[in-house]
Amino acid sequence: MKSTSEIIILAGTGVNIIVDAKTKSISEIIMIVGAIGRKNGRITLKNCDFKSVSELLMVCRNYPDCITLDLTNS
């Protein structure tokens, strides 16, 4: 598993990334989304059912067009 800083570096290249939301804090996810959004990449957040609606709304506040939330429990 890649560290958050490694994911942010990769996200800064503009690639599309899938991240397990269960293994990252909301602040880490927001940092990753910021790096993705600045380069017009896309992020899919898996296992979002482990986060509250208010947490997910915070994540979606910036760059919502870049984010896909997977609400299934996989």
C-alpha atoms as a PDB file:
ATOM      1  CA  MET A   1       0.000   0.000   0.000  1.00  0.00           C
ATOM      2  CA  LYS A   2       1.306   3.438  -0.933  1.00  0.00           C
ATOM      3  CA  SER A   3       1.663   6.170   1.665  1.00  0.00           C
ATOM      4  CA  THR A   4      -0.452   9.306   1.410  1.00  0.00           C
ATOM      5  CA  SER A   5       2.561  11.357   0.331  1.00  0.00           C
ATOM      6  CA  GLU A   6       3.336   8.845  -2.438  1.00  0.00           C
ATOM      7  CA  ILE A   7      -0.288   8.976  -3.622  1.00  0.00           C
ATOM      8  CA  ILE A   8      -0.183  12.798  -3.655  1.00  0.00           C
ATOM      9  CA  ILE A   9       2.976  12.707  -5.779  1.00  0.00           C
ATOM     10  CA  LEU A  10       1.310  10.326  -8.232  1.00  0.00           C
ATOM     11  CA  ALA A  11      -1.900  12.381  -8.223  1.00  0.00           C
ATOM     12  CA  GLY A  12       0.125  15.462  -9.121  1.00  0.00           C
ATOM     13  CA  THR A  13       0.913  13.905 -12.494  1.00  0.00           C
ATOM     14  CA  GLY A  14      -2.750  13.990 -13.528  1.00  0.00           C
ATOM     15  CA  VAL A  15      -3.359  10.246 -13.496  1.00  0.00           C
ATOM     16  CA  ASN A  16      -6.649   8.666 -12.449  1.00  0.00           C
ATOM     17  CA  ILE A  17      -6.445   6.983  -9.043  1.00  0.00           C
ATOM     18  CA  ILE A  18      -8.537   4.591  -6.949  1.00  0.00           C
ATOM     19  CA  VAL A  19      -8.128   5.008  -3.175  1.00  0.00           C
ATOM     20  CA  ASP A  20      -9.604   2.963  -0.323  1.00  0.00           C
ATOM     21  CA  ALA A  21     -11.361   5.559   1.847  1.00  0.00           C
ATOM     22  CA  LYS A  22     -11.420   3.094   4.741  1.00  0.00           C
ATOM     23  CA  THR A  23      -7.629   3.276   5.086  1.00  0.00           C
ATOM     24  CA  LYS A  24      -7.251   7.078   4.866  1.00  0.00           C
ATOM     25  CA  SER A  25      -8.368   9.906   7.129  1.00  0.00           C
ATOM     26  CA  ILE A  26     -10.614  12.630   5.744  1.00  0.00           C
ATOM     27  CA  SER A  27      -7.764  15.149   5.832  1.00  0.00           C
ATOM     28  CA  GLU A  28      -5.565  12.755   3.835  1.00  0.00           C
ATOM     29  CA  ILE A  29      -8.337  12.222   1.286  1.00  0.00           C
ATOM     30  CA  ILE A  30      -8.870  15.979   0.935  1.00  0.00           C
ATOM     31  CA  MET A  31      -5.144  16.479   0.255  1.00  0.00           C
ATOM     32  CA  ILE A  32      -5.193  13.728  -2.384  1.00  0.00           C
ATOM     33  CA  VAL A  33      -8.323  15.185  -4.021  1.00  0.00           C
ATOM     34  CA  GLY A  34      -6.644  18.599  -4.140  1.00  0.00           C
ATOM     35  CA  ALA A  35      -3.643  17.186  -5.986  1.00  0.00           C
ATOM     36  CA  ILE A  36      -5.942  15.320  -8.388  1.00  0.00           C
ATOM     37  CA  GLY A  37      -8.177  18.331  -9.035  1.00  0.00           C
ATOM     38  CA  ARG A  38      -5.325  20.723  -9.795  1.00  0.00           C
ATOM     39  CA  LYS A  39      -4.221  18.433 -12.643  1.00  0.00           C
ATOM     40  CA  ASN A  40      -7.751  17.548 -13.849  1.00  0.00           C
ATOM     41  CA  GLY A  41      -7.320  13.891 -12.907  1.00  0.00           C
ATOM     42  CA  ARG A  42     -10.021  11.693 -11.444  1.00  0.00           C
ATOM     43  CA  ILE A  43     -10.263   9.815  -8.172  1.00  0.00           C
ATOM     44  CA  THR A  44     -12.535   6.947  -7.205  1.00  0.00           C
ATOM     45  CA  LEU A  45     -12.953   6.524  -3.470  1.00  0.00           C
ATOM     46  CA  LYS A  46     -13.807   2.929  -2.568  1.00  0.00           C
ATOM     47  CA  ASN A  47     -15.482   1.908   0.720  1.00  0.00           C
ATOM     48  CA  CYS A  48     -17.036   5.333   1.301  1.00  0.00           C
ATOM     49  CA  ASP A  49     -19.729   3.708   3.410  1.00  0.00           C
ATOM     50  CA  PHE A  50     -17.163   3.774   6.250  1.00  0.00           C
ATOM     51  CA  LYS A  51     -17.266   7.608   6.237  1.00  0.00           C
ATOM     52  CA  SER A  52     -20.132   9.796   7.435  1.00  0.00           C
ATOM     53  CA  VAL A  53     -22.165  11.921   5.034  1.00  0.00           C
ATOM     54  CA  SER A  54     -20.725  15.099   6.580  1.00  0.00           C
ATOM     55  CA  GLU A  55     -17.180  13.796   6.002  1.00  0.00           C
ATOM     56  CA  LEU A  56     -17.988  12.947   2.389  1.00  0.00           C
ATOM     57  CA  LEU A  57     -19.493  16.398   1.860  1.00  0.00           C
ATOM     58  CA  MET A  58     -16.223  17.937   3.077  1.00  0.00           C
ATOM     59  CA  VAL A  59     -14.321  15.814   0.544  1.00  0.00           C
ATOM     60  CA  CYS A  60     -16.673  16.811  -2.286  1.00  0.00           C
ATOM     61  CA  ARG A  61     -16.516  20.532  -1.528  1.00  0.00           C
ATOM     62  CA  ASN A  62     -13.533  21.075  -3.864  1.00  0.00           C
ATOM     63  CA  TYR A  63     -13.262  19.485  -7.313  1.00  0.00           C
ATOM     64  CA  PRO A  64     -16.521  17.503  -7.130  1.00  0.00           C
ATOM     65  CA  ASP A  65     -16.347  16.736 -10.863  1.00  0.00           C
ATOM     66  CA  CYS A  66     -13.137  14.765 -10.251  1.00  0.00           C
ATOM     67  CA  ILE A  67     -14.574  12.469  -7.569  1.00  0.00           C
ATOM     68  CA  THR A  68     -16.480   9.199  -7.775  1.00  0.00           C
ATOM     69  CA  LEU A  69     -17.773   7.850  -4.464  1.00  0.00           C
ATOM     70  CA  ASP A  70     -18.179   4.079  -4.220  1.00  0.00           C
ATOM     71  CA  LEU A  71     -20.753   3.552  -1.490  1.00  0.00           C
ATOM     72  CA  THR A  72     -20.702  -0.234  -1.694  1.00  0.00           C
ATOM     73  CA  ASN A  73     -19.132  -2.278   1.045  1.00  0.00           C
ATOM     74  CA  SER A  74     -16.422  -4.249  -0.752  1.00  0.00           C
END
